[in-house]
Protein backbone atom coordinates (compact mmCIF):
# COMPACT_ATOMS: atom_id res chain seq x y z
CA MET A 1 72.88 215.17 -180.66
CA THR A 2 74.56 213.07 -183.33
CA GLU A 3 77.90 215.64 -183.43
CA ILE A 4 78.94 213.60 -180.23
CA ARG A 5 81.62 210.69 -181.53
CA HIS A 6 83.83 208.23 -180.12
CA ASP A 7 85.10 207.21 -183.44
CA TRP A 8 87.10 210.48 -184.64
CA THR A 9 90.42 209.41 -186.85
CA LYS A 10 93.46 211.15 -186.37
CA GLU A 11 93.19 212.23 -190.49
CA GLU A 12 89.27 213.56 -190.38
CA ILE A 13 90.65 215.72 -186.97
CA LEU A 14 94.01 216.61 -189.19
CA GLU A 15 91.06 218.01 -191.92
CA VAL A 16 88.77 219.92 -188.82
CA TYR A 17 92.41 221.75 -187.78
CA ASN A 18 93.44 222.60 -191.23
CA LYS A 19 90.48 224.45 -192.51
CA PRO A 20 90.81 227.90 -193.43
CA LEU A 21 90.97 229.62 -190.31
CA MET A 22 87.30 232.04 -190.78
CA GLU A 23 85.44 228.57 -192.05
CA LEU A 24 87.02 226.43 -188.96
CA LEU A 25 85.75 229.71 -186.07
CA TYR A 26 82.36 229.76 -187.99
CA GLU A 27 81.78 225.74 -187.61
CA ALA A 28 83.35 225.99 -183.85
CA SER A 29 81.44 228.95 -182.78
CA THR A 30 78.05 227.49 -184.25
CA MET A 31 79.01 223.72 -182.45
CA HIS A 32 79.23 225.53 -179.41
CA ARG A 33 76.31 227.35 -179.13
CA LYS A 34 74.29 224.14 -179.67
CA TYR A 35 75.79 223.14 -176.37
CA HIS A 36 76.77 225.97 -174.59
CA ASP A 37 76.18 229.55 -173.76
CA PRO A 38 78.19 231.27 -175.32
CA ASN A 39 78.41 234.39 -172.84
CA THR A 40 79.14 232.20 -170.02
CA VAL A 41 82.77 231.02 -168.86
CA GLN A 42 83.64 228.73 -165.74
CA VAL A 43 86.44 230.11 -163.57
CA SER A 44 88.69 228.16 -161.70
CA THR A 45 91.68 228.64 -159.05
CA LEU A 46 94.59 226.11 -159.04
CA ILE A 47 96.05 225.74 -155.85
CA SER A 48 99.15 223.78 -155.62
CA ILE A 49 99.23 222.23 -152.10
CA LYS A 50 102.21 220.16 -152.64
CA THR A 51 105.14 221.79 -154.47
CA GLY A 52 108.01 220.56 -156.00
CA GLY A 53 110.60 217.05 -154.90
CA CYS A 54 108.23 215.38 -157.63
CA SER A 55 110.13 211.96 -158.67
CA GLU A 56 108.98 212.56 -162.48
CA ASP A 57 111.26 213.38 -165.69
CA CYS A 58 108.64 215.43 -167.32
CA GLY A 59 110.52 217.69 -169.92
CA TYR A 60 107.84 220.02 -169.38
CA CYS A 61 107.51 220.79 -165.33
CA PRO A 62 110.17 222.90 -163.25
CA GLN A 63 108.57 220.64 -160.64
CA ALA A 64 110.84 218.01 -161.00
CA ALA A 65 113.17 217.24 -158.19
CA ARG A 66 116.08 215.74 -160.77
CA TYR A 67 116.01 219.40 -162.63
CA HIS A 68 117.18 223.20 -161.12
CA THR A 69 114.77 225.29 -161.48
CA ASN A 70 113.45 228.62 -159.66
CA VAL A 71 110.62 226.72 -158.00
CA GLU A 72 110.74 226.82 -153.77
CA GLY A 73 109.07 222.96 -152.77
CA ASN A 74 106.93 222.98 -149.97
CA ASP A 75 105.59 220.12 -147.79
CA LEU A 76 101.75 219.27 -147.82
CA MET A 77 99.33 222.49 -147.11
CA THR A 78 97.04 222.23 -144.17
CA VAL A 79 93.22 221.84 -144.43
CA ASN A 80 92.64 225.37 -142.85
CA GLN A 81 95.61 226.86 -145.14
CA VAL A 82 93.84 225.34 -147.95
CA LYS A 83 90.40 226.32 -147.28
CA ALA A 84 92.22 230.01 -146.50
CA GLN A 85 92.68 229.98 -150.24
CA ALA A 86 89.25 228.27 -151.24
CA LEU A 87 87.40 231.19 -149.63
CA ARG A 88 89.70 234.04 -151.42
CA ALA A 89 89.10 232.33 -154.80
CA LYS A 90 85.21 232.16 -154.26
CA GLU A 91 85.10 236.02 -153.06
CA GLY A 92 86.96 236.39 -156.57
CA GLY A 93 84.02 234.84 -158.55
CA SER A 94 85.60 231.26 -158.74
CA SER A 95 82.65 228.63 -158.82
CA ARG A 96 85.95 225.42 -158.74
CA VAL A 97 88.94 224.99 -156.76
CA CYS A 98 91.37 222.43 -158.24
CA MET A 99 94.29 221.26 -155.70
CA GLY A 100 97.25 219.98 -157.36
CA ALA A 101 100.22 217.87 -155.87
CA ALA A 102 103.53 216.97 -157.22
CA TRP A 103 102.83 213.24 -156.85
CA ARG A 104 104.13 210.42 -159.29
CA ASN A 105 100.84 208.85 -157.78
CA VAL A 106 98.59 208.85 -154.79
CA LYS A 107 99.98 206.95 -151.64
CA ASP A 108 97.56 205.55 -149.02
CA GLY A 109 98.89 207.12 -145.74
CA PRO A 110 97.78 210.40 -143.58
CA GLU A 111 98.81 212.65 -146.21
CA PHE A 112 95.91 211.28 -148.33
CA ASP A 113 93.74 211.28 -145.57
CA GLN A 114 94.66 215.20 -145.30
CA VAL A 115 94.58 215.55 -148.82
CA LEU A 116 90.35 213.74 -148.31
CA GLU A 117 89.56 216.46 -145.45
CA MET A 118 90.68 219.02 -148.13
CA VAL A 119 88.17 217.69 -150.11
CA ARG A 120 85.57 217.61 -147.69
CA SER A 121 86.03 221.01 -146.79
CA ILE A 122 85.66 222.82 -150.11
CA ASN A 123 83.16 221.02 -150.76
CA LYS A 124 81.16 222.25 -147.66
CA LEU A 125 81.54 225.85 -149.10
CA ASP A 126 79.62 225.18 -152.08
CA MET A 127 82.34 224.93 -154.51
CA GLU A 128 83.36 222.40 -157.14
CA VAL A 129 86.59 221.03 -156.13
CA CYS A 130 89.01 218.91 -158.20
CA CYS A 131 92.16 217.26 -157.52
CA THR A 132 95.15 216.19 -159.85
CA LEU A 133 97.43 214.44 -157.63
CA GLY A 134 98.75 211.53 -159.84
CA MET A 135 97.61 207.96 -160.92
CA VAL A 136 95.07 206.68 -158.69
CA THR A 137 93.68 203.19 -158.16
CA GLU A 138 90.33 202.73 -157.87
CA ASN A 139 90.14 202.31 -154.09
CA GLN A 140 91.41 205.83 -154.07
CA ALA A 141 89.11 207.31 -156.78
CA LYS A 142 86.27 205.85 -154.88
CA ARG A 143 87.88 207.32 -151.66
CA LEU A 144 87.81 210.87 -153.06
CA ALA A 145 84.25 210.55 -154.63
CA GLU A 146 83.11 209.53 -151.33
CA ALA A 147 84.53 213.11 -149.47
CA GLY A 148 83.03 214.88 -152.25
CA LEU A 149 85.37 215.35 -155.21
CA TYR A 150 83.45 216.31 -158.24
CA ALA A 151 86.51 216.44 -160.93
CA TYR A 152 89.62 214.62 -160.85
CA ASN A 153 92.24 216.03 -163.43
CA HIS A 154 94.55 213.65 -165.11
CA ASN A 155 95.94 215.14 -168.93
CA ILE A 156 96.98 212.73 -171.29
CA ASP A 157 99.66 215.68 -172.23
CA THR A 158 100.07 214.73 -175.74
CA SER A 159 99.44 211.60 -178.53
CA GLU A 160 100.53 208.21 -177.40
CA ASP A 161 103.04 208.44 -180.11
CA TYR A 162 104.95 210.94 -178.85
CA TYR A 163 104.57 210.56 -175.24
CA ASP A 164 108.04 208.59 -174.93
CA ASP A 165 109.63 211.89 -176.27
CA VAL A 166 108.92 213.73 -173.40
CA ILE A 167 108.24 211.35 -170.59
CA SER A 168 110.06 208.30 -169.58
CA THR A 169 109.22 208.04 -166.36
CA ARG A 170 105.69 206.48 -166.69
CA ALA A 171 103.53 205.14 -169.62
CA PHE A 172 101.13 206.51 -171.64
CA LYS A 173 98.73 203.46 -170.31
CA ASP A 174 99.43 205.02 -166.64
CA ARG A 175 96.92 207.92 -167.68
CA VAL A 176 94.45 206.26 -169.40
CA ASP A 177 94.35 203.35 -166.80
CA THR A 178 94.07 205.94 -163.68
CA ILE A 179 90.90 207.84 -166.12
CA GLU A 180 89.50 204.67 -166.29
CA ASN A 181 89.50 204.00 -162.68
CA VAL A 182 88.27 207.50 -161.96
CA ARG A 183 85.29 207.01 -164.72
CA LYS A 184 84.47 203.73 -161.71
CA THR A 185 83.29 206.34 -159.70
CA ASN A 186 80.46 209.68 -160.38
CA VAL A 187 83.93 212.13 -160.34
CA THR A 188 84.25 213.87 -163.70
CA VAL A 189 87.12 213.72 -165.67
CA CYS A 190 89.41 216.89 -166.51
CA SER A 191 91.77 215.72 -169.03
CA GLY A 192 93.35 217.24 -171.74
CA GLY A 193 97.53 218.44 -172.54
CA ILE A 194 99.78 220.75 -173.78
CA ILE A 195 101.21 222.37 -177.03
CA GLY A 196 104.22 223.65 -178.01
CA MET A 197 106.54 220.71 -176.76
CA GLY A 198 107.96 220.17 -179.88
CA GLU A 199 105.33 217.54 -181.24
CA SER A 200 103.69 217.70 -184.96
CA LEU A 201 100.16 218.95 -185.85
CA GLU A 202 99.34 215.12 -186.55
CA ASP A 203 100.45 214.74 -182.80
CA ARG A 204 98.09 217.40 -181.36
CA ALA A 205 95.52 215.55 -183.50
CA GLY A 206 96.39 212.30 -181.97
CA MET A 207 95.98 213.91 -178.52
CA LEU A 208 92.24 214.97 -179.47
CA GLU A 209 91.56 211.47 -180.59
CA THR A 210 92.38 210.08 -177.70
CA LEU A 211 90.17 212.05 -175.93
CA THR A 212 87.56 211.37 -178.24
CA ARG A 213 87.80 207.48 -177.99
CA PHE A 214 86.79 207.77 -173.90
CA SER A 215 83.17 207.36 -173.26
CA PRO A 216 81.68 209.51 -172.04
CA HIS A 217 84.06 212.57 -173.29
CA PRO A 218 86.04 214.03 -170.75
CA GLU A 219 83.70 216.84 -169.06
CA SER A 220 86.67 219.50 -169.21
CA VAL A 221 89.35 219.13 -171.53
CA PRO A 222 92.22 221.96 -170.74
CA ILE A 223 94.64 222.89 -173.89
CA ASN A 224 97.62 224.17 -172.16
CA ALA A 225 100.16 226.22 -174.46
CA LEU A 226 103.91 224.97 -173.15
CA VAL A 227 105.46 227.46 -170.62
CA ALA A 228 109.17 227.17 -171.34
CA VAL A 229 110.70 227.24 -167.90
CA GLU A 230 114.66 227.85 -167.31
CA GLY A 231 115.93 224.50 -166.13
CA THR A 232 113.79 222.29 -168.04
CA PRO A 233 114.39 220.08 -170.95
CA LEU A 234 111.86 222.27 -172.88
CA GLU A 235 113.17 225.47 -172.24
CA GLU A 236 113.99 226.55 -175.40
CA GLN A 237 110.80 225.90 -177.39
CA PRO A 238 109.66 229.31 -178.80
CA PRO A 239 106.20 230.60 -177.56
CA VAL A 240 103.00 228.85 -179.17
CA ASN A 241 101.47 231.23 -181.88
CA ILE A 242 97.71 232.51 -181.20
CA PHE A 243 96.36 231.03 -183.90
CA GLU A 244 98.28 227.80 -183.36
CA MET A 245 96.18 228.15 -179.90
CA VAL A 246 92.83 229.19 -181.55
CA ARG A 247 92.95 226.39 -184.07
CA MET A 248 93.29 223.56 -181.24
CA VAL A 249 90.73 225.22 -179.33
CA ALA A 250 88.52 225.33 -182.04
CA THR A 251 89.02 221.97 -183.10
CA ALA A 252 89.00 220.81 -179.27
CA ARG A 253 85.43 222.18 -179.57
CA ILE A 254 83.58 220.94 -182.71
CA VAL A 255 85.22 216.81 -182.20
CA LEU A 256 84.33 217.31 -178.08
CA PRO A 257 81.32 219.45 -178.61
CA ASP A 258 79.62 218.84 -174.76
CA SER A 259 82.78 219.13 -173.12
CA GLN A 260 84.01 222.21 -171.54
CA VAL A 261 87.40 223.71 -173.16
CA ARG A 262 89.69 225.28 -170.80
CA LEU A 263 92.11 227.74 -171.57
CA SER A 264 94.82 227.04 -169.30
CA ALA A 265 98.58 227.62 -168.91
CA GLY A 266 99.86 230.08 -171.53
CA ARG A 267 97.48 233.15 -170.93
CA THR A 268 100.13 235.47 -170.08
CA GLN A 269 101.25 235.24 -173.53
CA MET A 270 98.27 235.84 -175.06
CA SER A 271 96.78 239.27 -175.95
CA ARG A 272 93.03 239.48 -174.83
CA GLU A 273 92.22 240.16 -178.70
CA GLY A 274 93.33 236.41 -178.50
CA GLN A 275 91.83 235.36 -175.65
CA ALA A 276 88.51 236.62 -177.01
CA MET A 277 89.01 234.73 -180.20
CA CYS A 278 89.45 231.49 -178.47
CA PHE A 279 86.14 231.93 -176.26
CA PHE A 280 84.76 232.27 -179.81
CA ALA A 281 86.23 229.23 -180.85
CA GLY A 282 84.25 227.43 -178.04
CA ALA A 283 86.53 227.88 -175.16
CA ASN A 284 84.48 228.15 -172.05
CA SER A 285 86.56 227.85 -168.70
CA ILE A 286 89.75 229.59 -167.21
CA PHE A 287 91.68 229.11 -164.66
CA ALA A 288 92.41 232.09 -162.65
CA GLY A 289 94.83 234.01 -160.03
CA ASP A 290 98.24 234.85 -160.49
CA LYS A 291 99.64 231.29 -160.74
CA LEU A 292 98.95 228.30 -162.48
CA LEU A 293 100.97 225.87 -159.52
CA THR A 294 104.28 227.62 -160.39
CA THR A 295 104.09 228.95 -163.56
CA PRO A 296 102.44 232.97 -164.04
CA ASN A 297 98.97 233.53 -165.13
CA PRO A 298 96.71 236.66 -165.18
CA ASP A 299 95.66 238.61 -161.92
CA ILE A 300 92.18 238.03 -161.54
CA ASN A 301 90.78 241.49 -161.60
CA GLU A 302 92.20 241.53 -165.26
CA ASP A 303 89.99 238.57 -166.22
CA MET A 304 87.32 239.92 -164.48
CA LYS A 305 87.88 243.50 -166.44
CA MET A 306 88.32 241.09 -169.80
CA PHE A 307 85.01 239.86 -168.88
CA GLU A 308 83.30 242.83 -168.24
CA ASP A 309 84.36 244.24 -171.73
CA LEU A 310 83.30 240.91 -173.76
CA GLY A 311 80.10 240.48 -172.20
CA LEU A 312 80.66 237.67 -170.16
CA ASN A 313 79.22 235.73 -167.42
CA THR A 314 80.66 233.45 -164.94
CA GLN A 315 79.29 230.30 -164.60
CA LYS A 316 77.56 229.17 -161.18
CA PRO A 317 79.02 226.12 -159.40
CA PHE A 318 77.26 222.45 -160.23
CA PHE A 319 75.61 223.79 -163.24
CA LYS A 320 76.42 221.08 -165.41
CA HIS A 321 76.41 217.86 -162.79
CA GLU A 322 74.95 218.06 -159.15
CA GLN A 323 77.10 218.60 -155.82
CA ARG A 324 78.33 215.21 -154.59
CA GLU A 325 77.56 214.86 -150.43
CA SER A 326 80.41 214.70 -148.60
CA VAL A 327 80.65 211.78 -146.10
CA GLU A 328 82.71 212.14 -142.98
CA ALA A 329 85.75 210.05 -142.32
CA GLU A 330 84.35 208.37 -139.44
CA ASN A 331 81.23 207.10 -141.75
CA SER A 332 83.69 206.34 -144.84
CA GLN A 333 82.81 202.77 -146.84
CA TYR A 334 85.94 202.65 -148.40
CA GLN A 335 89.38 202.91 -146.29
CA SER A 336 93.17 202.74 -146.71
CA LEU A 337 93.78 199.34 -148.54
CA GLY A 338 97.66 200.24 -148.01
CA GLU A 339 98.19 199.50 -151.95
CA LYS A 340 101.20 199.54 -153.54
CA PRO A 341 100.23 199.51 -157.49
CA LYS A 342 103.12 199.14 -159.53
CA TRP A 343 102.52 201.73 -162.05
CA THR A 344 104.62 201.66 -164.87
CA ARG A 345 108.49 202.54 -164.83
CA PRO A 346 109.61 202.63 -168.48
CA ASP A 347 113.47 201.89 -169.33
CA HIS A 348 113.76 204.26 -171.95
CA LYS A 349 115.99 207.33 -171.60
CA ILE A 350 115.22 211.10 -173.33
CA GLU A 351 118.29 212.50 -174.10
CA ARG A 352 117.16 216.08 -173.51
CA ASN A 353 116.23 215.19 -170.19
CA GLU A 354 118.84 213.24 -169.10
CA GLN A 355 121.37 216.35 -170.03
CA LYS A 356 119.33 218.89 -168.20
CA LYS A 357 119.27 216.18 -165.00
CA GLN A 358 122.95 216.23 -165.19
CA GLU A 359 123.20 220.05 -165.55
CA ALA A 360 121.53 220.36 -162.41
CA LYS A 361 123.74 217.74 -160.54
CA GLU A 362 126.58 219.81 -161.46
CA ILE A 363 125.13 223.19 -160.76
CA ARG A 364 124.26 221.49 -157.02
CA ALA A 365 127.60 219.84 -156.69
């Protein structure tokens, strides 16, 4: 369909975002019905397989080791622990499990081998399996694909222009390079960002512009509303207004018509009516479960009751793309290369990040 474009400009996207709300909703809903069943929503469950202790300085993240938050870190979970949680998620109605590890990037070795076994284990449950593990090389992406990975999440977070105001320990280009590495496999891409971090409307449009430049577009696009966590540099940011979220979802639907737009972090701050507006505007995926890595999320039973009231159905696994066959470790074509890639380490400092780092040091002293 001609609506799928890779040449959207920031100015065009801003024009869409700023349309009168009723006009924007009508246009987004019309586009949604062309590409998707408006009464079907994908339900995914996010499992934090390794929590806390991250070396990055993302201003929004309570898992950064340099900040003092109430996050309790844990080592990498076992394959059996993850499988048990995946089974519970499946029983609760989830068709996808996304495993998140608080790593800067994947490192070849026993822990990555363990994650590959987790991928194989969940794939054999006939569930879509997604991972978000930080930056990956081409060979690492191929090993994940061979294990049966369905999707890889790597959010670009915000616009390229605003990125340096949020994160100083990696570069925007690292995000793009990782997505390109994943695209060299049969794994689908999940990539979106966060609003409410102090960015401008131009930055929100810039983020969407970058996502439209990928060819093909990301199959999944999470739209997160910042959950301001005490102890992080962005702890004082006000909650995102529901109409801002609706506009962001609607605009994403229009410029990324074939992608699944996911309502991600921040749903606990939204009413059921607000979420319903987001579904009407084109959101057709949610994360279920009482936590998203470390931040609150609505209970699965609440979500199922909301679906019932709205007449929504849950999407079956592998509805959009066929299931990948898992290759066992002993038959793997791709082996560990012991890679030590030199991902970017920018030398600029972000004042609010440095301030929170110093406060954490004083608290721990």
